[in-house]
Amino acid sequence: MSEGKVFLIFQDTAEARPFINALEQENPKASFDYQPGMVRIEAMGELGMTREVVCEQAGRDVDLQELHLTLISLSGNIEEDDDYFRVVRH
């Protein structure tokens, strides 16, 4: 793996779609690899999403902890609170 690269891998499901869409909206330099049953999102240094954008995408109030129900894997250090979720590489 390249130094500084982070990634998130989600199941490709309706439940994961608001998180995937929020990541796409908030991380324009990230690459998205749609594979059968999963979506791999990679970026250099950091990937993040805010609760506000996830809620907009879902059309409802979302607890960011719900992402763990469809998250397959990640690489990086997690930084999170109630309003944001990020993986970073220092």
Protein backbone atom coordinates (compact mmCIF):
# COMPACT_ATOMS: atom_id res chain seq x y z
CA MET A 1 0.00 0.00 0.00
CA SER A 2 1.23 3.48 -0.80
CA GLU A 3 2.37 5.55 2.13
CA GLY A 4 -0.34 8.03 3.07
CA LYS A 5 -3.18 6.19 1.33
CA VAL A 6 -6.39 5.53 3.26
CA PHE A 7 -9.43 3.50 2.24
CA LEU A 8 -12.91 2.45 3.27
CA ILE A 9 -14.72 -0.58 1.84
CA PHE A 10 -18.50 -0.81 2.14
CA GLN A 11 -21.02 -3.44 1.16
CA ASP A 12 -22.87 -2.23 -1.93
CA THR A 13 -26.31 -2.09 -0.30
CA ALA A 14 -29.14 0.41 0.08
CA GLU A 15 -28.15 0.87 3.74
CA ALA A 16 -24.60 1.87 2.74
CA ARG A 17 -25.64 4.18 -0.10
CA PRO A 18 -26.02 7.38 2.01
CA PHE A 19 -22.50 6.91 3.39
CA ILE A 20 -21.02 6.17 -0.04
CA ASN A 21 -22.80 9.17 -1.59
CA ALA A 22 -21.69 11.46 1.24
CA LEU A 23 -18.08 10.33 0.81
CA GLU A 24 -18.33 10.97 -2.91
CA GLN A 25 -19.76 14.45 -2.35
CA GLU A 26 -17.27 15.45 0.37
CA ASN A 27 -14.11 13.87 -1.09
CA PRO A 28 -13.87 14.93 -4.75
CA LYS A 29 -10.29 13.62 -5.13
CA ALA A 30 -11.15 10.13 -3.85
CA SER A 31 -11.36 7.16 -6.20
CA PHE A 32 -14.39 4.86 -6.13
CA ASP A 33 -14.09 1.28 -7.28
CA TYR A 34 -17.50 -0.40 -7.64
CA GLN A 35 -17.10 -4.17 -7.53
CA PRO A 36 -19.73 -6.90 -7.21
CA GLY A 37 -21.13 -6.55 -3.70
CA MET A 38 -18.75 -3.83 -2.48
CA VAL A 39 -17.42 -0.32 -3.03
CA ARG A 40 -13.78 0.55 -2.29
CA ILE A 41 -13.04 4.24 -1.69
CA GLU A 42 -9.40 5.40 -1.64
CA ALA A 43 -7.67 8.74 -1.15
CA MET A 44 -4.32 10.12 -0.12
CA GLY A 45 -4.14 11.32 3.48
CA GLU A 46 -7.78 11.51 4.52
CA LEU A 47 -11.35 10.42 3.80
CA GLY A 48 -14.22 11.90 5.74
CA MET A 49 -17.92 12.58 5.92
CA THR A 50 -20.18 14.74 8.03
CA ARG A 51 -23.41 13.69 9.65
CA GLU A 52 -25.23 16.58 7.97
CA VAL A 53 -24.43 15.32 4.45
CA VAL A 54 -25.20 11.68 5.34
CA CYS A 55 -28.60 12.77 6.71
CA GLU A 56 -29.29 14.73 3.49
CA GLN A 57 -28.42 11.68 1.41
CA ALA A 58 -30.55 9.34 3.56
CA GLY A 59 -33.50 11.71 3.87
CA ARG A 60 -33.64 11.02 7.60
CA ASP A 61 -31.74 11.50 10.84
CA VAL A 62 -28.69 9.19 10.84
CA ASP A 63 -26.35 8.14 13.63
CA LEU A 64 -22.90 7.88 12.01
CA GLN A 65 -22.30 4.68 13.98
CA GLU A 66 -24.72 3.01 11.54
CA LEU A 67 -21.88 2.95 9.00
CA HIS A 68 -20.34 0.04 10.92
CA LEU A 69 -23.26 -2.17 9.86
CA THR A 70 -22.10 -2.08 6.23
CA LEU A 71 -18.38 -1.31 6.59
CA ILE A 72 -16.22 -4.23 5.45
CA SER A 73 -12.74 -2.82 6.06
CA LEU A 74 -10.73 0.36 6.45
CA SER A 75 -7.14 1.52 6.49
CA GLY A 76 -6.03 4.54 8.47
CA ASN A 77 -6.54 6.04 11.89
CA ILE A 78 -10.13 6.80 12.87
CA GLU A 79 -11.13 10.27 14.05
CA GLU A 80 -14.80 10.62 14.91
CA ASP A 81 -17.47 12.25 17.00
CA ASP A 82 -21.24 12.59 16.68
CA ASP A 83 -20.94 14.95 13.69
CA TYR A 84 -18.10 13.53 11.58
CA PHE A 85 -16.22 10.34 10.72
CA ARG A 86 -12.72 10.39 9.20
CA VAL A 87 -9.91 7.99 8.48
CA VAL A 88 -6.52 9.68 8.25
CA ARG A 89 -2.91 8.67 7.74
CA HIS A 90 -0.35 10.82 9.55
